[in-house]
């Protein structure tokens, strides 16, 4: 799924099943709790701009939109993905959410760097990049965000690998989803990896916590 030219029913099915599994395993809730922490000192009447990097089918943004409506937050939500087919699919699923928009962008492009917001989200995306690219992206995210950054990514673990193999069987995942998921776990992080990034980038106020199911919640606060 790292091929940004991918499209068609197989990709659509993969995106939707990955979103469903992420929801089932508490991934959306994990990111949402990070957002809530960053919003603690923010007035609800102020517009909050949240950018979701590697947004997939937009499931996280729709969850945020629903949360904002229920809690009287004025959210403007932007999904970023480099795959045009993925963006189109997310737009179709989000037609009833006027405060969600999507952009097909390379996150290493000048156009992405120019985006300013209150919060940057990066869920199950960071592990797709090499260390030097991750450092570069984290520096950009930190510069873009007024309040902070919420990272939700995989713990590299043999147990997680075996559990995902079982999930593949239960959910009858297609070959693309199965291979992408297993590769992603192998590319995941140990806590010390994230701590090393934090040290190199001189983040002064951040927390890294292990959460079920084999995730790290990394909240980088600017205030």
C-alpha atoms as a PDB file:
ATOM      1  CA  UNK A   1       0.000   0.000   0.000  1.00  0.00           C
ATOM      2  CA  UNK A   2       3.039   2.265  -0.128  1.00  0.00           C
ATOM      3  CA  UNK A   3       2.441   2.527  -3.886  1.00  0.00           C
ATOM      4  CA  UNK A   4       0.610   5.856  -4.259  1.00  0.00           C
ATOM      5  CA  UNK A   5      -0.703   4.846  -7.705  1.00  0.00           C
ATOM      6  CA  UNK A   6      -2.745   1.958  -6.296  1.00  0.00           C
ATOM      7  CA  UNK A   7      -6.493   2.097  -6.885  1.00  0.00           C
ATOM      8  CA  UNK A   8      -9.566  -0.067  -7.372  1.00  0.00           C
ATOM      9  CA  UNK A   9     -11.792  -2.334  -5.336  1.00  0.00           C
ATOM     10  CA  UNK A  10      -8.922  -4.224  -3.683  1.00  0.00           C
ATOM     11  CA  UNK A  11      -7.488  -1.000  -2.273  1.00  0.00           C
ATOM     12  CA  UNK A  12     -10.946   0.221  -1.217  1.00  0.00           C
ATOM     13  CA  UNK A  13     -11.577  -3.044   0.622  1.00  0.00           C
ATOM     14  CA  UNK A  14      -8.158  -2.867   2.286  1.00  0.00           C
ATOM     15  CA  UNK A  15      -8.703   0.714   3.468  1.00  0.00           C
ATOM     16  CA  UNK A  16     -12.120  -0.052   4.929  1.00  0.00           C
ATOM     17  CA  UNK A  17     -11.060  -3.256   6.682  1.00  0.00           C
ATOM     18  CA  UNK A  18      -7.959  -1.613   8.166  1.00  0.00           C
ATOM     19  CA  UNK A  19     -10.187   1.195   9.478  1.00  0.00           C
ATOM     20  CA  UNK A  20     -12.606  -1.364  10.978  1.00  0.00           C
ATOM     21  CA  UNK A  21      -9.794  -3.266  12.704  1.00  0.00           C
ATOM     22  CA  UNK A  22      -8.293  -0.023  14.002  1.00  0.00           C
ATOM     23  CA  UNK A  23     -11.678   0.907  15.490  1.00  0.00           C
ATOM     24  CA  UNK A  24     -12.178  -2.537  16.996  1.00  0.00           C
ATOM     25  CA  UNK A  25      -8.745  -2.510  18.660  1.00  0.00           C
ATOM     26  CA  UNK A  26      -9.227   0.964  20.107  1.00  0.00           C
ATOM     27  CA  UNK A  27      -6.979   2.854  17.717  1.00  0.00           C
ATOM     28  CA  UNK A  28      -9.412   5.704  17.104  1.00  0.00           C
ATOM     29  CA  UNK A  29     -10.065   6.072  20.830  1.00  0.00           C
ATOM     30  CA  UNK A  30      -6.323   6.244  21.471  1.00  0.00           C
ATOM     31  CA  UNK A  31      -5.872   9.133  19.048  1.00  0.00           C
ATOM     32  CA  UNK A  32      -9.007  10.877  20.312  1.00  0.00           C
ATOM     33  CA  UNK A  33      -7.742  10.788  23.895  1.00  0.00           C
ATOM     34  CA  UNK A  34      -4.529  12.420  22.710  1.00  0.00           C
ATOM     35  CA  UNK A  35      -6.521  15.184  21.019  1.00  0.00           C
ATOM     36  CA  UNK A  36      -8.587  15.689  24.171  1.00  0.00           C
ATOM     37  CA  UNK A  37      -5.408  16.139  26.195  1.00  0.00           C
ATOM     38  CA  UNK A  38      -4.155  18.832  23.830  1.00  0.00           C
ATOM     39  CA  UNK A  39      -7.543  20.595  23.909  1.00  0.00           C
ATOM     40  CA  UNK A  40      -7.753  20.854  27.698  1.00  0.00           C
ATOM     41  CA  UNK A  41      -6.779  24.522  27.838  1.00  0.00           C
ATOM     42  CA  UNK A  42      -8.550  25.566  24.617  1.00  0.00           C
ATOM     43  CA  UNK A  43     -11.892  27.379  24.562  1.00  0.00           C
ATOM     44  CA  UNK A  44     -14.573  25.348  22.789  1.00  0.00           C
ATOM     45  CA  UNK A  45     -15.845  28.331  20.797  1.00  0.00           C
ATOM     46  CA  UNK A  46     -12.486  28.795  19.047  1.00  0.00           C
ATOM     47  CA  UNK A  47     -12.030  27.078  15.674  1.00  0.00           C
ATOM     48  CA  UNK A  48      -9.595  24.180  15.982  1.00  0.00           C
ATOM     49  CA  UNK A  49      -7.819  23.042  12.827  1.00  0.00           C
ATOM     50  CA  UNK A  50      -6.710  19.409  12.901  1.00  0.00           C
ATOM     51  CA  UNK A  51      -4.657  17.786  10.128  1.00  0.00           C
ATOM     52  CA  UNK A  52      -4.644  13.993   9.787  1.00  0.00           C
ATOM     53  CA  UNK A  53      -1.547  12.792   7.919  1.00  0.00           C
ATOM     54  CA  UNK A  54      -2.054   9.529   6.044  1.00  0.00           C
ATOM     55  CA  UNK A  55      -5.801   9.766   6.589  1.00  0.00           C
ATOM     56  CA  UNK A  56      -6.801   6.597   4.714  1.00  0.00           C
ATOM     57  CA  UNK A  57     -10.565   6.406   4.285  1.00  0.00           C
ATOM     58  CA  UNK A  58     -11.102   9.315   6.692  1.00  0.00           C
ATOM     59  CA  UNK A  59     -12.473   7.189   9.525  1.00  0.00           C
ATOM     60  CA  UNK A  60     -10.498   9.046  12.199  1.00  0.00           C
ATOM     61  CA  UNK A  61     -11.665  12.427  10.937  1.00  0.00           C
ATOM     62  CA  UNK A  62     -15.299  11.348  10.980  1.00  0.00           C
ATOM     63  CA  UNK A  63     -14.860  10.131  14.564  1.00  0.00           C
ATOM     64  CA  UNK A  64     -13.372  13.506  15.463  1.00  0.00           C
ATOM     65  CA  UNK A  65     -16.199  15.366  13.725  1.00  0.00           C
ATOM     66  CA  UNK A  66     -18.756  13.378  15.728  1.00  0.00           C
ATOM     67  CA  UNK A  67     -16.843  14.044  18.957  1.00  0.00           C
ATOM     68  CA  UNK A  68     -16.671  17.767  18.159  1.00  0.00           C
ATOM     69  CA  UNK A  69     -20.405  17.966  17.502  1.00  0.00           C
ATOM     70  CA  UNK A  70     -21.251  16.187  20.763  1.00  0.00           C
ATOM     71  CA  UNK A  71     -18.887  18.363  22.807  1.00  0.00           C
ATOM     72  CA  UNK A  72     -19.516  21.737  21.132  1.00  0.00           C
ATOM     73  CA  UNK A  73     -16.072  22.048  19.562  1.00  0.00           C
ATOM     74  CA  UNK A  74     -15.719  23.950  16.325  1.00  0.00           C
ATOM     75  CA  UNK A  75     -13.431  21.685  14.316  1.00  0.00           C
ATOM     76  CA  UNK A  76     -12.036  22.200  10.831  1.00  0.00           C
ATOM     77  CA  UNK A  77     -10.614  18.839   9.802  1.00  0.00           C
ATOM     78  CA  UNK A  78      -8.178  18.198   6.959  1.00  0.00           C
ATOM     79  CA  UNK A  79      -7.158  14.767   5.695  1.00  0.00           C
ATOM     80  CA  UNK A  80      -3.882  14.365   3.822  1.00  0.00           C
ATOM     81  CA  UNK A  81      -2.929  11.362   1.695  1.00  0.00           C
ATOM     82  CA  UNK A  82      -0.628  10.920  -1.300  1.00  0.00           C
ATOM     83  CA  UNK A  83      -2.964   8.482  -3.073  1.00  0.00           C
ATOM     84  CA  UNK A  84      -5.647  10.157  -5.207  1.00  0.00           C
ATOM     85  CA  UNK A  85      -7.920   7.097  -5.163  1.00  0.00           C
ATOM     86  CA  UNK A  86      -7.767   6.990  -1.350  1.00  0.00           C
ATOM     87  CA  UNK A  87      -8.643  10.683  -1.130  1.00  0.00           C
ATOM     88  CA  UNK A  88     -11.590  10.237  -3.467  1.00  0.00           C
ATOM     89  CA  UNK A  89     -12.870   7.306  -1.393  1.00  0.00           C
ATOM     90  CA  UNK A  90     -12.528   9.321   1.830  1.00  0.00           C
ATOM     91  CA  UNK A  91     -14.401  12.247   0.269  1.00  0.00           C
ATOM     92  CA  UNK A  92     -17.271   9.969  -0.757  1.00  0.00           C
ATOM     93  CA  UNK A  93     -17.528   8.550   2.771  1.00  0.00           C
ATOM     94  CA  UNK A  94     -17.459  12.035   4.311  1.00  0.00           C
ATOM     95  CA  UNK A  95     -20.147  13.752   2.226  1.00  0.00           C
ATOM     96  CA  UNK A  96     -22.271  14.384   5.314  1.00  0.00           C
ATOM     97  CA  UNK A  97     -19.416  16.114   7.150  1.00  0.00           C
ATOM     98  CA  UNK A  98     -19.067  19.699   5.884  1.00  0.00           C
ATOM     99  CA  UNK A  99     -16.178  20.460   8.236  1.00  0.00           C
ATOM    100  CA  UNK A 100     -13.970  17.728   6.724  1.00  0.00           C
ATOM    101  CA  UNK A 101     -11.867  18.384   3.617  1.00  0.00           C
ATOM    102  CA  UNK A 102      -9.177  16.333   1.916  1.00  0.00           C
ATOM    103  CA  UNK A 103      -6.002  17.097  -0.020  1.00  0.00           C
ATOM    104  CA  UNK A 104      -3.917  14.759  -2.146  1.00  0.00           C
ATOM    105  CA  UNK A 105      -0.408  15.804  -1.169  1.00  0.00           C
ATOM    106  CA  UNK A 106       3.103  14.449  -0.843  1.00  0.00           C
ATOM    107  CA  UNK A 107       3.982  15.245   2.779  1.00  0.00           C
ATOM    108  CA  UNK A 108       7.565  15.972   1.726  1.00  0.00           C
ATOM    109  CA  UNK A 109       6.383  18.702  -0.657  1.00  0.00           C
ATOM    110  CA  UNK A 110       6.573  22.469   0.028  1.00  0.00           C
ATOM    111  CA  UNK A 111       2.755  22.613  -0.203  1.00  0.00           C
ATOM    112  CA  UNK A 112       2.408  20.381   2.830  1.00  0.00           C
ATOM    113  CA  UNK A 113       5.008  22.268   4.849  1.00  0.00           C
ATOM    114  CA  UNK A 114       3.014  25.475   4.346  1.00  0.00           C
ATOM    115  CA  UNK A 115      -0.066  24.063   6.102  1.00  0.00           C
ATOM    116  CA  UNK A 116      -0.589  25.515   9.577  1.00  0.00           C
ATOM    117  CA  UNK A 117      -2.939  24.026  12.135  1.00  0.00           C
ATOM    118  CA  UNK A 118      -3.575  23.499  15.830  1.00  0.00           C
ATOM    119  CA  UNK A 119      -3.003  19.724  15.974  1.00  0.00           C
ATOM    120  CA  UNK A 120      -1.282  17.229  13.674  1.00  0.00           C
ATOM    121  CA  UNK A 121      -2.365  13.585  13.830  1.00  0.00           C
ATOM    122  CA  UNK A 122      -0.312  10.719  12.460  1.00  0.00           C
ATOM    123  CA  UNK A 123      -1.939   7.313  12.913  1.00  0.00           C
ATOM    124  CA  UNK A 124      -0.260   4.138  11.645  1.00  0.00           C
ATOM    125  CA  UNK A 125       1.708   6.159   9.102  1.00  0.00           C
ATOM    126  CA  UNK A 126       5.083   7.020  10.598  1.00  0.00           C
ATOM    127  CA  UNK A 127       6.412   3.459  10.413  1.00  0.00           C
ATOM    128  CA  UNK A 128       6.273   3.574   6.599  1.00  0.00           C
ATOM    129  CA  UNK A 129       9.308   5.891   6.545  1.00  0.00           C
ATOM    130  CA  UNK A 130      13.026   5.593   7.186  1.00  0.00           C
ATOM    131  CA  UNK A 131      14.569   7.127  10.309  1.00  0.00           C
ATOM    132  CA  UNK A 132      15.907  10.257   8.599  1.00  0.00           C
ATOM    133  CA  UNK A 133      12.525  10.832   6.963  1.00  0.00           C
ATOM    134  CA  UNK A 134      10.764  10.368  10.304  1.00  0.00           C
ATOM    135  CA  UNK A 135      13.015  12.969  11.928  1.00  0.00           C
ATOM    136  CA  UNK A 136      12.286  15.387   9.104  1.00  0.00           C
ATOM    137  CA  UNK A 137       8.537  14.794   9.295  1.00  0.00           C
ATOM    138  CA  UNK A 138       8.383  15.152  13.066  1.00  0.00           C
ATOM    139  CA  UNK A 139      10.221  18.460  12.843  1.00  0.00           C
ATOM    140  CA  UNK A 140       7.700  19.673  10.247  1.00  0.00           C
ATOM    141  CA  UNK A 141       4.708  18.458  12.297  1.00  0.00           C
ATOM    142  CA  UNK A 142       6.041  20.262  15.373  1.00  0.00           C
ATOM    143  CA  UNK A 143       6.506  23.481  13.427  1.00  0.00           C
ATOM    144  CA  UNK A 144       3.044  23.253  11.854  1.00  0.00           C
ATOM    145  CA  UNK A 145       1.053  22.624  15.023  1.00  0.00           C
ATOM    146  CA  UNK A 146       0.104  25.342  17.503  1.00  0.00           C
ATOM    147  CA  UNK A 147      -0.956  22.957  20.288  1.00  0.00           C
ATOM    148  CA  UNK A 148       0.855  19.734  19.516  1.00  0.00           C
ATOM    149  CA  UNK A 149       1.144  16.410  17.717  1.00  0.00           C
ATOM    150  CA  UNK A 150      -0.504  13.034  18.381  1.00  0.00           C
ATOM    151  CA  UNK A 151       1.302   9.961  17.064  1.00  0.00           C
ATOM    152  CA  UNK A 152      -0.408   6.557  17.191  1.00  0.00           C
ATOM    153  CA  UNK A 153       1.782   3.778  15.854  1.00  0.00           C
ATOM    154  CA  UNK A 154       2.705   0.139  16.165  1.00  0.00           C
ATOM    155  CA  UNK A 155       4.817  -1.644  18.747  1.00  0.00           C
ATOM    156  CA  UNK A 156       7.223  -3.981  16.983  1.00  0.00           C
ATOM    157  CA  UNK A 157       6.536  -7.313  18.656  1.00  0.00           C
ATOM    158  CA  UNK A 158       6.469 -11.021  17.800  1.00  0.00           C
ATOM    159  CA  UNK A 159       3.238 -11.375  19.789  1.00  0.00           C
ATOM    160  CA  UNK A 160       1.611  -8.563  17.796  1.00  0.00           C
ATOM    161  CA  UNK A 161       2.706 -10.269  14.576  1.00  0.00           C
ATOM    162  CA  UNK A 162       1.042 -13.553  15.581  1.00  0.00           C
ATOM    163  CA  UNK A 163      -2.123 -11.827  16.762  1.00  0.00           C
ATOM    164  CA  UNK A 164      -2.438  -9.986  13.465  1.00  0.00           C
ATOM    165  CA  UNK A 165      -2.088 -13.269  11.598  1.00  0.00           C
ATOM    166  CA  UNK A 166      -5.091 -14.503  13.588  1.00  0.00           C
ATOM    167  CA  UNK A 167      -7.031 -11.321  12.770  1.00  0.00           C
ATOM    168  CA  UNK A 168      -6.307 -11.857   9.091  1.00  0.00           C
ATOM    169  CA  UNK A 169      -8.066 -15.201   9.324  1.00  0.00           C
ATOM    170  CA  UNK A 170     -11.040 -13.893  11.342  1.00  0.00           C
ATOM    171  CA  UNK A 171     -11.636 -10.872   9.090  1.00  0.00           C
ATOM    172  CA  UNK A 172     -10.749 -12.708   5.867  1.00  0.00           C
ATOM    173  CA  UNK A 173      -8.369  -9.918   4.895  1.00  0.00           C
ATOM    174  CA  UNK A 174      -7.250  -9.792   1.288  1.00  0.00           C
ATOM    175  CA  UNK A 175      -3.606 -10.392   0.414  1.00  0.00           C
ATOM    176  CA  UNK A 176      -2.825  -6.654   0.211  1.00  0.00           C
ATOM    177  CA  UNK A 177      -4.192  -5.969   3.703  1.00  0.00           C
ATOM    178  CA  UNK A 178      -2.499  -9.035   5.155  1.00  0.00           C
ATOM    179  CA  UNK A 179       0.924  -8.282   3.696  1.00  0.00           C
ATOM    180  CA  UNK A 180       0.707  -4.576   4.510  1.00  0.00           C
ATOM    181  CA  UNK A 181      -0.291  -5.285   8.115  1.00  0.00           C
ATOM    182  CA  UNK A 182       2.427  -7.831   8.771  1.00  0.00           C
ATOM    183  CA  UNK A 183       5.071  -5.652   7.123  1.00  0.00           C
ATOM    184  CA  UNK A 184       3.889  -2.686   9.157  1.00  0.00           C
ATOM    185  CA  UNK A 185       4.357  -4.590  12.424  1.00  0.00           C
ATOM    186  CA  UNK A 186       7.901  -5.485  11.391  1.00  0.00           C
ATOM    187  CA  UNK A 187       8.506  -1.786  10.685  1.00  0.00           C
ATOM    188  CA  UNK A 188       6.965  -0.714  13.993  1.00  0.00           C
ATOM    189  CA  UNK A 189       8.766   0.832  16.950  1.00  0.00           C
ATOM    190  CA  UNK A 190      10.230  -0.007  20.303  1.00  0.00           C
ATOM    191  CA  UNK A 191       9.757   2.661  22.972  1.00  0.00           C
ATOM    192  CA  UNK A 192      13.454   3.483  22.891  1.00  0.00           C
ATOM    193  CA  UNK A 193      13.195   4.261  19.162  1.00  0.00           C
ATOM    194  CA  UNK A 194      10.612   6.962  19.846  1.00  0.00           C
ATOM    195  CA  UNK A 195      12.582   8.262  22.819  1.00  0.00           C
ATOM    196  CA  UNK A 196      15.635   8.618  20.579  1.00  0.00           C
ATOM    197  CA  UNK A 197      13.641  10.667  18.049  1.00  0.00           C
ATOM    198  CA  UNK A 198      12.392  12.867  20.877  1.00  0.00           C
ATOM    199  CA  UNK A 199      15.930  13.394  22.170  1.00  0.00           C
ATOM    200  CA  UNK A 200      17.321  14.255  18.736  1.00  0.00           C
ATOM    201  CA  UNK A 201      14.525  16.761  18.062  1.00  0.00           C
ATOM    202  CA  UNK A 202      14.754  18.235  21.566  1.00  0.00           C
ATOM    203  CA  UNK A 203      11.068  17.798  22.426  1.00  0.00           C
ATOM    204  CA  UNK A 204      10.670  19.180  25.948  1.00  0.00           C
ATOM    205  CA  UNK A 205       7.099  18.176  26.736  1.00  0.00           C
ATOM    206  CA  UNK A 206       6.069  14.786  25.389  1.00  0.00           C
ATOM    207  CA  UNK A 207       4.746  11.482  26.698  1.00  0.00           C
ATOM    208  CA  UNK A 208       5.120   8.013  25.175  1.00  0.00           C
ATOM    209  CA  UNK A 209       2.776   5.325  26.500  1.00  0.00           C
ATOM    210  CA  UNK A 210       2.211   1.709  25.492  1.00  0.00           C
ATOM    211  CA  UNK A 211      -1.447   0.965  24.872  1.00  0.00           C
ATOM    212  CA  UNK A 212      -3.496  -2.035  23.801  1.00  0.00           C
ATOM    213  CA  UNK A 213      -3.388  -3.432  21.158  1.00  0.00           C
ATOM    214  CA  UNK A 214       0.379  -3.145  20.786  1.00  0.00           C
ATOM    215  CA  UNK A 215       0.384   0.594  20.093  1.00  0.00           C
ATOM    216  CA  UNK A 216       2.341   3.568  21.275  1.00  0.00           C
ATOM    217  CA  UNK A 217       0.528   6.805  21.989  1.00  0.00           C
ATOM    218  CA  UNK A 218       3.015   9.653  21.643  1.00  0.00           C
ATOM    219  CA  UNK A 219       1.693  13.086  22.569  1.00  0.00           C
ATOM    220  CA  UNK A 220       4.002  16.006  21.822  1.00  0.00           C
ATOM    221  CA  UNK A 221       2.739  19.141  23.538  1.00  0.00           C
ATOM    222  CA  UNK A 222       3.893  22.648  22.620  1.00  0.00           C
ATOM    223  CA  UNK A 223       2.296  24.572  25.485  1.00  0.00           C
END
